[in-house]
Amino acid sequence: MGRPDGMTSDVDGNLWIANWGFGKIICFDPKTGKKLRTVQIPAMRTTSCCFGGKNLDELYVTCASQGATEEELAAYPMTGSIFKVTGLGVKGLPADVYKG
């Protein structure tokens, strides 16, 4: 299943976790541990995700390219890109702003 990396949560408290080396974002219910859904990303090195957009209903996913082999780059040419996933039917929470 890859290794968990960055994550975010939605308004229902579910966790959306980027899975390094797996090319997926997996949403879990943290109370039950149940996997709720999987979002495939066309790059294997998913690093993090967050909700954004005017209504916080777009999931933005970052991916790394550092260390990718030529074979991986050929198989996944969008390695290192940032992806926007829409139509999930969920919303994220606004970011906390630190005021020091």
N, C-alpha and C. Protein backbone atom coordinates (compact mmCIF):
# COMPACT_ATOMS: atom_id res chain seq x y z
N MET A 1 0.82 -1.19 0.00
CA MET A 1 0.00 0.00 0.00
C MET A 1 0.87 1.26 0.00
N GLY A 2 2.16 1.15 -0.17
CA GLY A 2 3.02 2.33 -0.13
C GLY A 2 3.25 2.75 1.31
N ARG A 3 3.84 3.91 1.49
CA ARG A 3 4.07 4.45 2.83
C ARG A 3 3.26 5.72 3.00
N PRO A 4 2.57 5.87 4.13
CA PRO A 4 1.79 7.08 4.35
C PRO A 4 2.72 8.29 4.41
N ASP A 5 2.27 9.37 3.82
CA ASP A 5 3.05 10.60 3.81
C ASP A 5 2.13 11.72 4.30
N GLY A 6 2.01 12.82 3.59
CA GLY A 6 1.17 13.92 4.04
C GLY A 6 -0.31 13.58 4.03
N MET A 7 -1.07 14.31 4.82
CA MET A 7 -2.51 14.04 4.89
C MET A 7 -3.29 15.29 5.21
N THR A 8 -4.59 15.18 5.02
CA THR A 8 -5.52 16.24 5.38
C THR A 8 -6.80 15.59 5.89
N SER A 9 -7.73 16.39 6.35
CA SER A 9 -9.02 15.85 6.79
C SER A 9 -10.15 16.62 6.15
N ASP A 10 -11.31 15.98 6.10
CA ASP A 10 -12.49 16.63 5.53
C ASP A 10 -13.44 17.05 6.64
N VAL A 11 -14.56 17.67 6.29
CA VAL A 11 -15.50 18.18 7.29
C VAL A 11 -16.13 17.08 8.13
N ASP A 12 -16.10 15.84 7.64
CA ASP A 12 -16.64 14.72 8.40
C ASP A 12 -15.60 14.08 9.31
N GLY A 13 -14.37 14.61 9.28
CA GLY A 13 -13.32 14.08 10.14
C GLY A 13 -12.54 12.92 9.53
N ASN A 14 -12.82 12.59 8.28
CA ASN A 14 -12.09 11.50 7.63
C ASN A 14 -10.70 11.97 7.22
N LEU A 15 -9.75 11.05 7.22
CA LEU A 15 -8.37 11.34 6.85
C LEU A 15 -8.12 10.97 5.40
N TRP A 16 -7.48 11.86 4.66
CA TRP A 16 -7.08 11.65 3.28
C TRP A 16 -5.56 11.58 3.29
N ILE A 17 -5.00 10.42 3.00
CA ILE A 17 -3.57 10.19 3.18
C ILE A 17 -2.89 9.90 1.85
N ALA A 18 -1.84 10.67 1.56
CA ALA A 18 -1.01 10.41 0.37
C ALA A 18 -0.13 9.20 0.67
N ASN A 19 -0.03 8.31 -0.30
CA ASN A 19 0.75 7.09 -0.11
C ASN A 19 1.94 7.07 -1.06
N TRP A 20 3.11 7.36 -0.53
CA TRP A 20 4.36 7.41 -1.27
C TRP A 20 4.66 6.04 -1.88
N GLY A 21 4.98 6.04 -3.16
CA GLY A 21 5.34 4.79 -3.83
C GLY A 21 4.14 3.98 -4.29
N PHE A 22 2.95 4.53 -4.18
CA PHE A 22 1.74 3.78 -4.50
C PHE A 22 0.85 4.52 -5.49
N GLY A 23 1.03 5.84 -5.61
CA GLY A 23 0.25 6.62 -6.57
C GLY A 23 -1.22 6.74 -6.21
N LYS A 24 -1.51 6.79 -4.93
CA LYS A 24 -2.91 6.87 -4.51
C LYS A 24 -3.07 7.76 -3.29
N ILE A 25 -4.25 8.33 -3.18
CA ILE A 25 -4.70 8.99 -1.96
C ILE A 25 -5.79 8.07 -1.41
N ILE A 26 -5.66 7.71 -0.16
CA ILE A 26 -6.65 6.81 0.45
C ILE A 26 -7.35 7.56 1.58
N CYS A 27 -8.67 7.49 1.59
CA CYS A 27 -9.48 8.13 2.62
C CYS A 27 -9.89 7.07 3.64
N PHE A 28 -9.64 7.36 4.91
CA PHE A 28 -9.98 6.45 6.00
C PHE A 28 -10.90 7.14 7.00
N ASP A 29 -11.77 6.35 7.62
CA ASP A 29 -12.52 6.81 8.78
C ASP A 29 -11.61 6.55 9.98
N PRO A 30 -11.13 7.58 10.69
CA PRO A 30 -10.18 7.36 11.77
C PRO A 30 -10.79 6.67 12.99
N LYS A 31 -12.11 6.70 13.10
CA LYS A 31 -12.75 6.04 14.25
C LYS A 31 -12.82 4.53 14.08
N THR A 32 -13.03 4.08 12.85
CA THR A 32 -13.18 2.64 12.60
C THR A 32 -11.96 2.03 11.91
N GLY A 33 -11.13 2.88 11.29
CA GLY A 33 -10.00 2.39 10.51
C GLY A 33 -10.40 1.88 9.14
N LYS A 34 -11.67 2.01 8.79
CA LYS A 34 -12.18 1.51 7.52
C LYS A 34 -11.73 2.40 6.37
N LYS A 35 -11.26 1.75 5.29
CA LYS A 35 -10.92 2.49 4.08
C LYS A 35 -12.22 2.85 3.38
N LEU A 36 -12.42 4.16 3.11
CA LEU A 36 -13.66 4.63 2.52
C LEU A 36 -13.59 4.80 1.02
N ARG A 37 -12.42 5.22 0.52
CA ARG A 37 -12.28 5.39 -0.93
C ARG A 37 -10.80 5.56 -1.26
N THR A 38 -10.53 5.33 -2.54
CA THR A 38 -9.17 5.48 -3.06
C THR A 38 -9.22 6.35 -4.30
N VAL A 39 -8.29 7.28 -4.40
CA VAL A 39 -8.17 8.14 -5.57
C VAL A 39 -6.83 7.84 -6.22
N GLN A 40 -6.86 7.34 -7.44
CA GLN A 40 -5.65 7.02 -8.18
C GLN A 40 -5.02 8.29 -8.74
N ILE A 41 -3.71 8.42 -8.60
CA ILE A 41 -2.96 9.57 -9.12
C ILE A 41 -1.94 9.02 -10.11
N PRO A 42 -1.79 9.66 -11.29
CA PRO A 42 -0.88 9.12 -12.31
C PRO A 42 0.59 9.47 -12.05
N ALA A 43 1.02 9.29 -10.81
CA ALA A 43 2.41 9.47 -10.40
C ALA A 43 2.60 8.66 -9.12
N MET A 44 3.72 7.98 -8.98
CA MET A 44 3.91 7.07 -7.85
C MET A 44 4.35 7.75 -6.56
N ARG A 45 4.94 8.91 -6.64
CA ARG A 45 5.55 9.54 -5.47
C ARG A 45 4.64 10.61 -4.87
N THR A 46 3.42 10.25 -4.51
CA THR A 46 2.50 11.20 -3.90
C THR A 46 3.03 11.60 -2.53
N THR A 47 3.09 12.91 -2.29
CA THR A 47 3.70 13.41 -1.06
C THR A 47 2.71 14.01 -0.07
N SER A 48 1.69 14.69 -0.55
CA SER A 48 0.75 15.32 0.36
C SER A 48 -0.53 15.69 -0.38
N CYS A 49 -1.53 16.11 0.38
CA CYS A 49 -2.80 16.53 -0.20
C CYS A 49 -3.45 17.55 0.72
N CYS A 50 -4.29 18.40 0.13
CA CYS A 50 -5.06 19.36 0.92
C CYS A 50 -6.29 19.77 0.10
N PHE A 51 -7.30 20.20 0.81
CA PHE A 51 -8.50 20.70 0.14
C PHE A 51 -8.34 22.19 -0.11
N GLY A 52 -8.86 22.63 -1.25
CA GLY A 52 -8.79 24.04 -1.61
C GLY A 52 -9.92 24.39 -2.55
N GLY A 53 -9.77 25.51 -3.22
CA GLY A 53 -10.82 26.01 -4.09
C GLY A 53 -11.79 26.86 -3.31
N LYS A 54 -12.63 27.57 -4.03
CA LYS A 54 -13.59 28.50 -3.42
C LYS A 54 -14.46 27.83 -2.35
N ASN A 55 -14.87 26.58 -2.60
CA ASN A 55 -15.76 25.88 -1.68
C ASN A 55 -15.04 24.78 -0.89
N LEU A 56 -13.72 24.75 -0.96
CA LEU A 56 -12.91 23.71 -0.29
C LEU A 56 -13.33 22.31 -0.72
N ASP A 57 -13.73 22.18 -1.99
CA ASP A 57 -14.19 20.88 -2.49
C ASP A 57 -13.28 20.31 -3.59
N GLU A 58 -12.08 20.87 -3.69
CA GLU A 58 -11.09 20.36 -4.64
C GLU A 58 -9.92 19.81 -3.83
N LEU A 59 -9.46 18.63 -4.18
CA LEU A 59 -8.33 18.02 -3.47
C LEU A 59 -7.09 18.25 -4.31
N TYR A 60 -6.11 18.92 -3.74
CA TYR A 60 -4.84 19.17 -4.42
C TYR A 60 -3.81 18.16 -3.91
N VAL A 61 -3.11 17.55 -4.83
CA VAL A 61 -2.16 16.48 -4.51
C VAL A 61 -0.79 16.84 -5.07
N THR A 62 0.22 16.81 -4.21
CA THR A 62 1.59 17.05 -4.66
C THR A 62 2.31 15.72 -4.84
N CYS A 63 3.23 15.72 -5.79
CA CYS A 63 4.03 14.52 -6.08
C CYS A 63 5.48 14.93 -6.29
N ALA A 64 6.40 14.09 -5.87
CA ALA A 64 7.83 14.38 -6.02
C ALA A 64 8.39 13.69 -7.25
N SER A 65 9.48 14.27 -7.74
CA SER A 65 10.20 13.63 -8.85
C SER A 65 11.62 13.24 -8.43
N GLN A 66 12.09 13.79 -7.32
CA GLN A 66 13.45 13.52 -6.87
C GLN A 66 13.65 12.02 -6.64
N GLY A 67 14.70 11.48 -7.23
CA GLY A 67 15.02 10.07 -7.06
C GLY A 67 14.32 9.14 -8.04
N ALA A 68 13.45 9.68 -8.88
CA ALA A 68 12.73 8.84 -9.85
C ALA A 68 13.71 8.33 -10.91
N THR A 69 13.57 7.08 -11.26
CA THR A 69 14.42 6.49 -12.29
C THR A 69 13.89 6.89 -13.67
N GLU A 70 14.71 6.71 -14.68
CA GLU A 70 14.27 6.99 -16.05
C GLU A 70 13.09 6.11 -16.42
N GLU A 71 13.08 4.87 -15.94
CA GLU A 71 11.97 3.96 -16.23
C GLU A 71 10.68 4.45 -15.59
N GLU A 72 10.78 4.94 -14.35
CA GLU A 72 9.59 5.46 -13.68
C GLU A 72 9.07 6.71 -14.39
N LEU A 73 9.98 7.60 -14.78
CA LEU A 73 9.57 8.81 -15.48
C LEU A 73 8.92 8.48 -16.83
N ALA A 74 9.40 7.43 -17.48
CA ALA A 74 8.80 7.01 -18.75
C ALA A 74 7.40 6.44 -18.51
N ALA A 75 7.24 5.67 -17.43
CA ALA A 75 5.95 5.05 -17.13
C ALA A 75 4.95 6.06 -16.55
N TYR A 76 5.47 7.04 -15.82
CA TYR A 76 4.62 8.05 -15.16
C TYR A 76 5.17 9.44 -15.50
N PRO A 77 4.91 9.92 -16.72
CA PRO A 77 5.50 11.19 -17.16
C PRO A 77 5.03 12.42 -16.37
N MET A 78 3.98 12.28 -15.58
CA MET A 78 3.50 13.42 -14.78
C MET A 78 4.11 13.44 -13.38
N THR A 79 5.12 12.59 -13.16
CA THR A 79 5.84 12.58 -11.88
C THR A 79 6.34 13.98 -11.58
N GLY A 80 6.15 14.44 -10.35
CA GLY A 80 6.58 15.77 -9.95
C GLY A 80 5.51 16.83 -10.12
N SER A 81 4.36 16.47 -10.63
CA SER A 81 3.28 17.43 -10.87
C SER A 81 2.43 17.67 -9.63
N ILE A 82 1.59 18.68 -9.74
CA ILE A 82 0.54 18.93 -8.75
C ILE A 82 -0.79 18.63 -9.44
N PHE A 83 -1.64 17.87 -8.79
CA PHE A 83 -2.91 17.45 -9.37
C PHE A 83 -4.07 18.07 -8.61
N LYS A 84 -5.15 18.36 -9.35
CA LYS A 84 -6.40 18.83 -8.75
C LYS A 84 -7.45 17.77 -9.02
N VAL A 85 -8.05 17.26 -7.95
CA VAL A 85 -9.09 16.23 -8.06
C VAL A 85 -10.42 16.89 -7.70
N THR A 86 -11.39 16.77 -8.62
CA THR A 86 -12.70 17.38 -8.39
C THR A 86 -13.77 16.29 -8.41
N GLY A 87 -14.97 16.67 -8.00
CA GLY A 87 -16.11 15.75 -8.05
C GLY A 87 -16.11 14.69 -6.97
N LEU A 88 -15.41 14.92 -5.87
CA LEU A 88 -15.37 13.93 -4.79
C LEU A 88 -16.62 13.95 -3.92
N GLY A 89 -17.34 15.07 -3.94
CA GLY A 89 -18.55 15.16 -3.11
C GLY A 89 -18.27 15.39 -1.64
N VAL A 90 -17.06 15.84 -1.31
CA VAL A 90 -16.70 16.15 0.08
C VAL A 90 -16.02 17.51 0.11
N LYS A 91 -15.95 18.07 1.30
CA LYS A 91 -15.29 19.36 1.49
C LYS A 91 -14.27 19.25 2.61
N GLY A 92 -13.24 20.07 2.47
CA GLY A 92 -12.21 20.14 3.50
C GLY A 92 -12.51 21.25 4.49
N LEU A 93 -11.62 21.38 5.42
CA LEU A 93 -11.73 22.42 6.44
C LEU A 93 -10.82 23.59 6.08
N PRO A 94 -11.21 24.80 6.47
CA PRO A 94 -10.31 25.93 6.21
C PRO A 94 -9.03 25.75 7.04
N ALA A 95 -7.93 26.26 6.51
CA ALA A 95 -6.64 26.16 7.19
C ALA A 95 -6.63 27.05 8.44
N ASP A 96 -5.96 26.57 9.45
CA ASP A 96 -5.71 27.40 10.63
C ASP A 96 -4.58 28.35 10.27
N VAL A 97 -4.74 29.59 10.62
CA VAL A 97 -3.71 30.59 10.34
C VAL A 97 -3.02 30.94 11.65
N TYR A 98 -1.72 30.76 11.66
CA TYR A 98 -0.95 31.09 12.86
C TYR A 98 -0.68 32.59 12.90
N LYS A 99 -1.01 33.19 14.01
CA LYS A 99 -0.75 34.62 14.18
C LYS A 99 0.16 34.76 15.40
N GLY A 100 1.46 34.88 15.11
CA GLY A 100 2.47 34.90 16.18
C GLY A 100 2.69 36.17 16.81
